[in-house]
C-alpha cells in the first residue's frame, strides 16, 4: 500500500552562499532599515506620549491614549516590515538625493509663501517643486494634481475648518 508523502512545509531559512553555507550578509537592507526606523520611532513616540500625557482608562481615555496607541501601532508595522526582511535577499539601498532635496525645498517654499501669496499659489508651488523629484517631469499630470489639491485644500481648510488662510493674497 503506497502512501504518498506530503512535502513538509518549508521554514524560512537564511540565504545560502554558493558553497551551501548560511550567509548573514544577503538581506533586504532597504526593508531592514525602514522597519527598524518605524520600530524605533514608534516606540519612542509611545514612550514620550506616555510620559507627557495622562493615559486615562478605557472608559475615560486621557489625552495620551491615542498617541500611545498610535506609537505602538507604528512600532508593530515596523516589526511587520523588519521580520520578513531578515529572511529575504536584497541589495543595499542606493540613496537618491534629488527626491529628498526637492521635497524638502517644496515644503519650505510652501511654508514661506502660504501667508504671503495665499493657499492656492503655495499649494501649486509645492506640487510643482515636488514633481521635479521624478526622473521625467510630466506637466499635464502635475497641473491636474496642483488644481485638485488646491481645490481640496481651500475646501477643507478655509471653508470646512474655518482656518483663516486666504486662497489668494488680498482675499479675506
N, C-alpha and C. Protein backbone atom coordinates (compact mmCIF):
# COMPACT_ATOMS: atom_id res chain seq x y z
N UNK A 1 0.84 -1.16 0.00
CA UNK A 1 0.00 0.00 0.00
C UNK A 1 0.89 1.23 0.00
N UNK A 2 0.84 1.91 -1.11
CA UNK A 2 1.72 3.06 -1.23
C UNK A 2 1.06 4.34 -0.74
N UNK A 3 1.58 4.85 0.35
CA UNK A 3 1.08 6.13 0.84
C UNK A 3 1.98 7.23 0.29
N UNK A 4 1.37 8.24 -0.24
CA UNK A 4 2.19 9.33 -0.77
C UNK A 4 2.58 10.25 0.39
N UNK A 5 3.81 10.62 0.36
CA UNK A 5 4.29 11.53 1.40
C UNK A 5 4.06 12.97 0.95
N UNK A 6 3.50 13.73 1.83
CA UNK A 6 3.32 15.14 1.54
C UNK A 6 4.58 15.88 1.94
N UNK A 7 4.91 16.88 1.16
CA UNK A 7 6.10 17.65 1.47
C UNK A 7 5.87 18.47 2.73
N UNK A 8 6.85 18.45 3.61
CA UNK A 8 6.77 19.24 4.83
C UNK A 8 6.87 20.71 4.47
N UNK A 9 6.14 21.55 5.18
CA UNK A 9 6.22 22.98 4.86
C UNK A 9 7.64 23.50 5.09
N UNK A 10 8.09 24.35 4.19
CA UNK A 10 9.43 24.91 4.28
C UNK A 10 9.45 26.03 5.31
N UNK A 11 10.44 25.99 6.17
CA UNK A 11 10.65 27.07 7.12
C UNK A 11 11.51 28.12 6.46
N UNK A 12 11.31 29.39 6.82
CA UNK A 12 12.20 30.40 6.27
C UNK A 12 13.63 30.11 6.72
N UNK A 13 14.54 30.23 5.82
CA UNK A 13 15.93 29.97 6.17
C UNK A 13 16.78 31.13 5.70
N UNK A 14 18.00 31.17 6.24
CA UNK A 14 18.92 32.20 5.82
C UNK A 14 19.36 31.92 4.40
N UNK A 15 19.58 32.96 3.63
CA UNK A 15 20.07 32.75 2.26
C UNK A 15 21.39 31.99 2.29
N UNK A 16 21.60 31.18 1.28
CA UNK A 16 22.80 30.34 1.20
C UNK A 16 23.80 30.90 0.21
N UNK A 17 25.09 30.68 0.50
CA UNK A 17 26.14 31.03 -0.45
C UNK A 17 26.27 29.91 -1.45
N UNK A 18 27.18 30.06 -2.41
CA UNK A 18 27.36 29.01 -3.41
C UNK A 18 27.82 27.70 -2.80
N UNK A 19 28.57 27.78 -1.72
CA UNK A 19 29.05 26.55 -1.09
C UNK A 19 28.00 25.93 -0.18
N UNK A 20 26.85 26.57 -0.03
CA UNK A 20 25.78 26.00 0.78
C UNK A 20 25.77 26.49 2.21
N UNK A 21 26.72 27.35 2.59
CA UNK A 21 26.77 27.87 3.95
C UNK A 21 25.75 29.01 4.10
N UNK A 22 25.25 29.15 5.30
CA UNK A 22 24.30 30.23 5.55
C UNK A 22 25.03 31.57 5.48
N UNK A 23 24.43 32.49 4.76
CA UNK A 23 25.02 33.81 4.61
C UNK A 23 24.26 34.80 5.47
N UNK A 24 24.98 35.51 6.28
CA UNK A 24 24.34 36.52 7.12
C UNK A 24 24.32 37.88 6.44
N UNK A 25 24.97 38.01 5.29
CA UNK A 25 25.08 39.30 4.63
C UNK A 25 23.97 39.55 3.62
N UNK A 26 23.41 38.53 3.04
CA UNK A 26 22.39 38.72 2.00
C UNK A 26 21.04 38.94 2.66
N UNK A 27 20.69 40.19 2.84
CA UNK A 27 19.43 40.57 3.46
C UNK A 27 18.79 41.67 2.64
N UNK A 28 17.55 41.90 2.87
CA UNK A 28 16.84 43.00 2.25
C UNK A 28 17.07 44.24 3.13
N UNK A 29 18.17 44.93 2.86
CA UNK A 29 18.58 46.03 3.73
C UNK A 29 17.63 47.22 3.66
N UNK A 30 16.97 47.40 2.54
CA UNK A 30 16.02 48.51 2.43
C UNK A 30 14.90 48.34 3.46
N UNK A 31 14.32 47.14 3.52
CA UNK A 31 13.26 46.90 4.49
C UNK A 31 13.80 46.78 5.91
N UNK A 32 15.04 46.31 6.07
CA UNK A 32 15.64 46.28 7.41
C UNK A 32 15.77 47.69 7.97
N UNK A 33 16.25 48.59 7.16
CA UNK A 33 16.42 49.97 7.61
C UNK A 33 15.06 50.63 7.86
N UNK A 34 14.13 50.47 6.90
CA UNK A 34 12.81 51.07 7.05
C UNK A 34 12.05 50.51 8.23
N UNK A 35 12.06 49.19 8.40
CA UNK A 35 11.37 48.57 9.53
C UNK A 35 11.98 48.97 10.85
N UNK A 36 13.30 49.05 10.90
CA UNK A 36 13.97 49.47 12.14
C UNK A 36 13.62 50.89 12.50
N UNK A 37 13.60 51.77 11.51
CA UNK A 37 13.24 53.17 11.78
C UNK A 37 11.79 53.29 12.27
N UNK A 38 10.88 52.55 11.64
CA UNK A 38 9.49 52.57 12.10
C UNK A 38 9.37 52.04 13.52
N UNK A 39 10.07 50.96 13.82
CA UNK A 39 10.03 50.36 15.15
C UNK A 39 10.58 51.34 16.19
N UNK A 40 11.74 51.91 15.92
CA UNK A 40 12.37 52.84 16.87
C UNK A 40 11.51 54.09 17.06
N UNK A 41 11.05 54.68 15.95
CA UNK A 41 10.24 55.88 16.05
C UNK A 41 8.93 55.60 16.78
N UNK A 42 8.27 54.50 16.45
CA UNK A 42 7.00 54.16 17.11
C UNK A 42 7.16 53.96 18.61
N UNK A 43 8.22 53.24 19.01
CA UNK A 43 8.44 53.02 20.45
C UNK A 43 8.80 54.32 21.15
N UNK A 44 9.63 55.15 20.50
CA UNK A 44 9.97 56.44 21.11
C UNK A 44 8.72 57.30 21.27
N UNK A 45 7.89 57.35 20.23
CA UNK A 45 6.68 58.16 20.26
C UNK A 45 5.74 57.69 21.36
N UNK A 46 5.56 56.37 21.47
CA UNK A 46 4.67 55.82 22.51
C UNK A 46 5.24 56.13 23.89
N UNK A 47 6.55 55.99 24.06
CA UNK A 47 7.17 56.28 25.36
C UNK A 47 7.00 57.75 25.72
N UNK A 48 7.33 58.64 24.78
CA UNK A 48 7.24 60.07 25.04
C UNK A 48 5.80 60.48 25.38
N UNK A 49 4.84 60.03 24.58
CA UNK A 49 3.44 60.37 24.83
C UNK A 49 2.97 59.81 26.16
N UNK A 50 3.43 58.61 26.51
CA UNK A 50 3.06 58.01 27.79
C UNK A 50 3.62 58.76 28.98
N UNK A 51 4.79 59.36 28.80
CA UNK A 51 5.41 60.12 29.89
C UNK A 51 4.82 61.52 30.03
N UNK A 52 4.43 62.12 28.93
CA UNK A 52 3.99 63.51 28.94
C UNK A 52 2.48 63.70 29.12
N UNK A 53 1.69 62.70 28.76
CA UNK A 53 0.24 62.85 28.79
C UNK A 53 -0.39 61.75 29.62
N UNK A 54 -1.52 62.08 30.23
CA UNK A 54 -2.26 61.11 31.02
C UNK A 54 -2.97 60.13 30.09
N UNK A 55 -2.80 58.84 30.34
CA UNK A 55 -3.45 57.82 29.51
C UNK A 55 -4.94 57.70 29.79
N UNK A 56 -5.32 57.84 31.05
CA UNK A 56 -6.72 57.65 31.41
C UNK A 56 -7.04 56.16 31.46
N UNK A 57 -8.29 55.82 31.26
CA UNK A 57 -8.73 54.43 31.26
C UNK A 57 -9.45 54.16 29.94
N UNK A 58 -9.82 52.92 29.73
CA UNK A 58 -10.57 52.60 28.52
C UNK A 58 -11.94 53.29 28.50
N UNK A 59 -12.50 53.48 29.68
CA UNK A 59 -13.80 54.12 29.76
C UNK A 59 -13.69 55.65 29.60
N UNK A 60 -12.65 56.24 30.20
CA UNK A 60 -12.40 57.69 30.10
C UNK A 60 -10.97 57.89 29.63
N UNK A 61 -10.81 57.85 28.33
CA UNK A 61 -9.47 57.97 27.76
C UNK A 61 -8.93 59.37 27.96
N UNK A 62 -7.64 59.42 28.32
CA UNK A 62 -6.98 60.70 28.51
C UNK A 62 -6.36 61.17 27.20
N UNK A 63 -5.71 62.34 27.24
CA UNK A 63 -5.12 62.90 26.02
C UNK A 63 -3.94 62.09 25.49
N UNK A 64 -3.37 61.22 26.28
CA UNK A 64 -2.23 60.42 25.82
C UNK A 64 -2.61 59.06 25.27
N UNK A 65 -3.86 58.67 25.39
CA UNK A 65 -4.26 57.32 24.98
C UNK A 65 -4.06 57.10 23.48
N UNK A 66 -4.55 58.02 22.67
CA UNK A 66 -4.43 57.86 21.22
C UNK A 66 -2.99 57.93 20.75
N UNK A 67 -2.18 58.91 21.19
CA UNK A 67 -0.78 58.94 20.74
C UNK A 67 0.01 57.70 21.14
N UNK A 68 -0.23 57.18 22.33
CA UNK A 68 0.48 55.97 22.77
C UNK A 68 0.06 54.79 21.90
N UNK A 69 -1.24 54.67 21.66
CA UNK A 69 -1.74 53.58 20.80
C UNK A 69 -1.18 53.70 19.39
N UNK A 70 -1.13 54.91 18.87
CA UNK A 70 -0.59 55.14 17.54
C UNK A 70 0.90 54.79 17.48
N UNK A 71 1.64 55.14 18.53
CA UNK A 71 3.06 54.79 18.58
C UNK A 71 3.28 53.29 18.56
N UNK A 72 2.49 52.57 19.33
CA UNK A 72 2.62 51.10 19.32
C UNK A 72 2.19 50.50 17.99
N UNK A 73 1.20 51.11 17.35
CA UNK A 73 0.77 50.64 16.04
C UNK A 73 1.87 50.84 14.99
N UNK A 74 2.54 51.98 15.03
CA UNK A 74 3.66 52.24 14.11
C UNK A 74 4.79 51.25 14.40
N UNK A 75 5.07 50.98 15.67
CA UNK A 75 6.11 50.02 16.03
C UNK A 75 5.75 48.61 15.52
N UNK A 76 4.49 48.24 15.63
CA UNK A 76 4.06 46.93 15.13
C UNK A 76 4.22 46.85 13.61
N UNK A 77 3.89 47.93 12.91
CA UNK A 77 4.10 47.95 11.46
C UNK A 77 5.58 47.83 11.13
N UNK A 78 6.41 48.44 11.95
CA UNK A 78 7.85 48.31 11.76
C UNK A 78 8.31 46.87 11.89
N UNK A 79 7.75 46.16 12.86
CA UNK A 79 8.08 44.74 13.01
C UNK A 79 7.60 43.93 11.81
N UNK A 80 6.42 44.28 11.29
CA UNK A 80 5.90 43.56 10.13
C UNK A 80 6.75 43.78 8.88
N UNK A 81 7.43 44.90 8.81
CA UNK A 81 8.35 45.16 7.70
C UNK A 81 9.71 44.53 7.98
N UNK A 82 10.16 44.60 9.23
CA UNK A 82 11.50 44.17 9.61
C UNK A 82 11.68 42.66 9.59
N UNK A 83 10.77 41.93 10.18
CA UNK A 83 10.96 40.48 10.33
C UNK A 83 11.07 39.72 9.01
N UNK A 84 10.18 39.95 8.04
CA UNK A 84 10.35 39.23 6.77
C UNK A 84 11.65 39.60 6.05
N UNK A 85 12.14 40.82 6.28
CA UNK A 85 13.36 41.25 5.60
C UNK A 85 14.58 40.47 6.07
N UNK A 86 14.49 39.85 7.24
CA UNK A 86 15.60 39.04 7.74
C UNK A 86 15.77 37.76 6.92
N UNK A 87 14.72 37.32 6.27
CA UNK A 87 14.74 36.04 5.55
C UNK A 87 14.63 36.22 4.04
N UNK A 88 14.88 37.42 3.57
CA UNK A 88 14.73 37.72 2.16
C UNK A 88 16.02 38.35 1.65
N UNK A 89 16.40 37.99 0.44
CA UNK A 89 17.59 38.58 -0.14
C UNK A 89 17.26 39.94 -0.71
N UNK A 90 18.25 40.78 -0.72
CA UNK A 90 18.10 42.10 -1.30
C UNK A 90 19.44 42.79 -1.29
N UNK A 91 19.50 43.89 -1.95
CA UNK A 91 20.75 44.63 -2.01
C UNK A 91 20.75 45.80 -1.06
N UNK A 92 21.86 46.50 -1.07
CA UNK A 92 21.94 47.72 -0.29
C UNK A 92 21.16 48.82 -0.98
N UNK A 93 20.46 49.64 -0.22
CA UNK A 93 19.70 50.72 -0.86
C UNK A 93 20.65 51.75 -1.47
N UNK A 94 20.25 52.24 -2.61
CA UNK A 94 21.01 53.29 -3.28
C UNK A 94 20.33 54.62 -2.99
N UNK A 95 20.97 55.46 -2.20
CA UNK A 95 20.32 56.73 -1.85
C UNK A 95 20.16 57.62 -3.07
N UNK A 96 18.99 58.21 -3.17
CA UNK A 96 18.70 59.16 -4.25
C UNK A 96 18.41 60.50 -3.58
N UNK A 97 19.26 61.47 -3.85
CA UNK A 97 19.17 62.75 -3.15
C UNK A 97 18.23 63.74 -3.83
N UNK A 98 18.01 63.59 -5.10
CA UNK A 98 17.14 64.52 -5.82
C UNK A 98 15.72 64.54 -5.24
N UNK A 99 15.06 63.40 -5.03
CA UNK A 99 13.72 63.45 -4.43
C UNK A 99 13.73 64.05 -3.02
N UNK A 100 14.71 63.69 -2.24
CA UNK A 100 14.81 64.19 -0.87
C UNK A 100 14.92 65.72 -0.87
N UNK A 101 15.82 66.24 -1.68
CA UNK A 101 16.07 67.68 -1.70
C UNK A 101 14.88 68.44 -2.26
N UNK A 102 14.29 67.96 -3.36
CA UNK A 102 13.18 68.71 -3.96
C UNK A 102 11.94 68.71 -3.06
N UNK A 103 11.67 67.64 -2.37
CA UNK A 103 10.50 67.59 -1.49
C UNK A 103 10.71 68.50 -0.28
N UNK A 104 11.92 68.50 0.28
CA UNK A 104 12.22 69.41 1.39
C UNK A 104 12.08 70.87 0.94
N UNK A 105 12.64 71.18 -0.22
CA UNK A 105 12.53 72.55 -0.75
C UNK A 105 11.07 72.92 -0.99
N UNK A 106 10.28 71.99 -1.53
CA UNK A 106 8.85 72.25 -1.76
C UNK A 106 8.13 72.59 -0.47
N UNK A 107 8.41 71.84 0.59
CA UNK A 107 7.78 72.12 1.89
C UNK A 107 8.20 73.47 2.45
N UNK A 108 9.48 73.82 2.30
CA UNK A 108 9.96 75.11 2.79
C UNK A 108 9.36 76.27 1.99
N UNK A 109 9.27 76.11 0.67
CA UNK A 109 8.67 77.16 -0.16
C UNK A 109 7.19 77.34 0.22
N UNK A 110 6.48 76.23 0.42
CA UNK A 110 5.08 76.32 0.84
C UNK A 110 4.96 77.11 2.14
N UNK A 111 5.78 76.76 3.13
CA UNK A 111 5.72 77.45 4.42
C UNK A 111 6.05 78.93 4.29
N UNK A 112 6.95 79.26 3.39
CA UNK A 112 7.38 80.65 3.23
C UNK A 112 6.33 81.50 2.51
N UNK A 113 5.61 80.93 1.55
CA UNK A 113 4.71 81.77 0.75
C UNK A 113 3.22 81.62 1.07
N UNK A 114 2.83 80.68 1.92
CA UNK A 114 1.40 80.47 2.15
C UNK A 114 0.74 81.71 2.76
N UNK A 115 1.41 82.40 3.68
CA UNK A 115 0.81 83.59 4.28
C UNK A 115 0.95 84.81 3.38
N UNK A 116 1.98 84.84 2.54
CA UNK A 116 2.22 86.00 1.69
C UNK A 116 1.37 85.99 0.42
N UNK A 117 1.25 84.82 -0.22
CA UNK A 117 0.56 84.75 -1.51
C UNK A 117 -0.79 84.04 -1.43
N UNK A 118 -1.01 83.23 -0.41
CA UNK A 118 -2.26 82.51 -0.27
C UNK A 118 -2.07 81.01 -0.42
N UNK A 119 -3.14 80.28 -0.12
CA UNK A 119 -3.09 78.82 -0.10
C UNK A 119 -2.96 78.21 -1.49
N UNK A 120 -3.62 78.76 -2.47
CA UNK A 120 -3.57 78.20 -3.83
C UNK A 120 -2.18 78.34 -4.45
N UNK A 121 -1.56 79.53 -4.48
CA UNK A 121 -0.20 79.60 -5.03
C UNK A 121 0.81 78.76 -4.27
N UNK A 122 0.67 78.68 -2.94
CA UNK A 122 1.59 77.87 -2.15
C UNK A 122 1.43 76.38 -2.47
N UNK A 123 0.20 75.93 -2.64
CA UNK A 123 -0.05 74.53 -2.99
C UNK A 123 0.48 74.22 -4.38
N UNK A 124 0.26 75.11 -5.33
CA UNK A 124 0.77 74.91 -6.69
C UNK A 124 2.29 74.85 -6.67
N UNK A 125 2.93 75.75 -5.94
CA UNK A 125 4.40 75.74 -5.86
C UNK A 125 4.90 74.44 -5.23
N UNK A 126 4.23 73.99 -4.18
CA UNK A 126 4.62 72.74 -3.53
C UNK A 126 4.53 71.56 -4.49
N UNK A 127 3.44 71.47 -5.23
CA UNK A 127 3.25 70.36 -6.16
C UNK A 127 4.27 70.41 -7.30
N UNK A 128 4.50 71.58 -7.87
CA UNK A 128 5.43 71.69 -9.00
C UNK A 128 6.86 71.36 -8.56
N UNK A 129 7.28 71.92 -7.44
CA UNK A 129 8.64 71.64 -6.96
C UNK A 129 8.80 70.18 -6.59
N UNK A 130 7.81 69.61 -5.92
CA UNK A 130 7.89 68.20 -5.54
C UNK A 130 7.84 67.28 -6.76
N UNK A 131 7.15 67.69 -7.82
CA UNK A 131 7.09 66.88 -9.04
C UNK A 131 8.45 66.81 -9.72
N UNK A 132 9.32 67.75 -9.44
CA UNK A 132 10.67 67.71 -10.02
C UNK A 132 11.50 66.57 -9.43
N UNK A 133 11.00 65.92 -8.40
CA UNK A 133 11.71 64.78 -7.81
C UNK A 133 11.73 63.58 -8.76
N UNK A 134 10.75 63.49 -9.65
CA UNK A 134 10.70 62.38 -10.60
C UNK A 134 11.75 62.56 -11.68
N UNK A 135 12.16 61.45 -12.25
CA UNK A 135 13.15 61.50 -13.32
C UNK A 135 12.60 62.23 -14.54
N UNK A 136 11.32 61.98 -14.84
CA UNK A 136 10.69 62.60 -16.01
C UNK A 136 9.55 63.50 -15.53
N UNK A 137 9.68 64.77 -15.77
CA UNK A 137 8.65 65.73 -15.37
C UNK A 137 7.46 65.60 -16.31
N UNK A 138 6.26 65.48 -15.73
CA UNK A 138 5.02 65.34 -16.51
C UNK A 138 4.14 66.55 -16.22
N UNK A 139 4.17 67.56 -17.11
CA UNK A 139 3.49 68.83 -16.82
C UNK A 139 1.97 68.71 -16.73
N UNK A 140 1.35 67.89 -17.57
CA UNK A 140 -0.12 67.79 -17.54
C UNK A 140 -0.57 67.15 -16.22
N UNK A 141 0.07 66.06 -15.86
CA UNK A 141 -0.29 65.38 -14.61
C UNK A 141 -0.02 66.29 -13.42
N UNK A 142 1.08 67.03 -13.46
CA UNK A 142 1.41 67.94 -12.37
C UNK A 142 0.38 69.06 -12.27
N UNK A 143 -0.06 69.61 -13.40
CA UNK A 143 -1.07 70.68 -13.39
C UNK A 143 -2.40 70.17 -12.83
N UNK A 144 -2.81 68.99 -13.25
CA UNK A 144 -4.06 68.41 -12.74
C UNK A 144 -3.97 68.19 -11.23
N UNK A 145 -2.86 67.64 -10.77
CA UNK A 145 -2.66 67.41 -9.34
C UNK A 145 -2.66 68.72 -8.57
N UNK A 146 -2.02 69.75 -9.11
CA UNK A 146 -1.97 71.06 -8.45
C UNK A 146 -3.37 71.66 -8.31
N UNK A 147 -4.17 71.56 -9.36
CA UNK A 147 -5.54 72.11 -9.32
C UNK A 147 -6.39 71.34 -8.32
N UNK A 148 -6.34 70.02 -8.38
CA UNK A 148 -7.17 69.20 -7.48
C UNK A 148 -6.77 69.43 -6.02
N UNK A 149 -5.48 69.43 -5.74
CA UNK A 149 -5.04 69.65 -4.35
C UNK A 149 -5.35 71.06 -3.87
N UNK A 150 -5.27 72.05 -4.75
CA UNK A 150 -5.62 73.42 -4.36
C UNK A 150 -7.10 73.53 -4.01
N UNK A 151 -7.95 72.94 -4.83
CA UNK A 151 -9.39 72.96 -4.54
C UNK A 151 -9.68 72.23 -3.24
N UNK A 152 -9.05 71.09 -3.05
CA UNK A 152 -9.26 70.34 -1.80
C UNK A 152 -8.77 71.11 -0.58
N UNK A 153 -7.60 71.74 -0.70
CA UNK A 153 -7.03 72.49 0.43
C UNK A 153 -7.94 73.66 0.82
N UNK A 154 -8.41 74.42 -0.17
CA UNK A 154 -9.29 75.55 0.12
C UNK A 154 -10.61 75.04 0.70
N UNK A 155 -11.15 73.99 0.13
CA UNK A 155 -12.43 73.44 0.61
C UNK A 155 -12.32 72.96 2.05
N UNK A 156 -11.26 72.21 2.33
CA UNK A 156 -11.12 71.62 3.67
C UNK A 156 -10.72 72.66 4.70
N UNK A 157 -9.64 73.39 4.44
CA UNK A 157 -9.08 74.25 5.47
C UNK A 157 -9.79 75.60 5.59
N UNK A 158 -10.08 76.26 4.47
CA UNK A 158 -10.69 77.58 4.55
C UNK A 158 -12.18 77.49 4.85
N UNK A 159 -12.89 76.65 4.09
CA UNK A 159 -14.35 76.58 4.28
C UNK A 159 -14.76 75.54 5.31
N UNK A 160 -14.21 74.34 5.23
CA UNK A 160 -14.62 73.27 6.13
C UNK A 160 -14.20 73.50 7.58
N UNK A 161 -12.94 73.83 7.80
CA UNK A 161 -12.45 74.01 9.17
C UNK A 161 -12.45 75.47 9.62
N UNK A 162 -12.66 76.36 8.69
CA UNK A 162 -12.73 77.78 9.05
C UNK A 162 -11.38 78.39 9.40
N UNK A 163 -10.29 77.83 8.92
CA UNK A 163 -8.97 78.38 9.20
C UNK A 163 -8.80 79.63 8.32
N UNK A 164 -8.39 80.73 8.90
CA UNK A 164 -8.33 81.99 8.15
C UNK A 164 -7.10 82.08 7.23
N UNK A 165 -7.01 81.19 6.26
CA UNK A 165 -5.96 81.25 5.26
C UNK A 165 -6.65 81.60 3.95
N UNK A 166 -6.33 82.76 3.39
CA UNK A 166 -7.00 83.13 2.13
C UNK A 166 -6.51 82.27 0.97
N UNK A 167 -7.38 82.06 -0.01
CA UNK A 167 -7.00 81.28 -1.19
C UNK A 167 -5.92 82.02 -1.99
N UNK A 168 -6.06 83.33 -2.10
CA UNK A 168 -5.08 84.17 -2.77
C UNK A 168 -4.78 85.37 -1.90
N UNK A 169 -3.64 86.01 -2.11
CA UNK A 169 -3.28 87.20 -1.32
C UNK A 169 -4.32 88.29 -1.51
N UNK A 170 -4.66 88.97 -0.43
CA UNK A 170 -5.63 90.05 -0.51
C UNK A 170 -7.07 89.61 -0.31
N UNK A 171 -7.35 88.32 -0.34
CA UNK A 171 -8.72 87.83 -0.11
C UNK A 171 -8.89 87.53 1.37
N UNK A 172 -9.93 88.02 1.96
CA UNK A 172 -10.22 87.74 3.37
C UNK A 172 -11.64 87.40 3.54
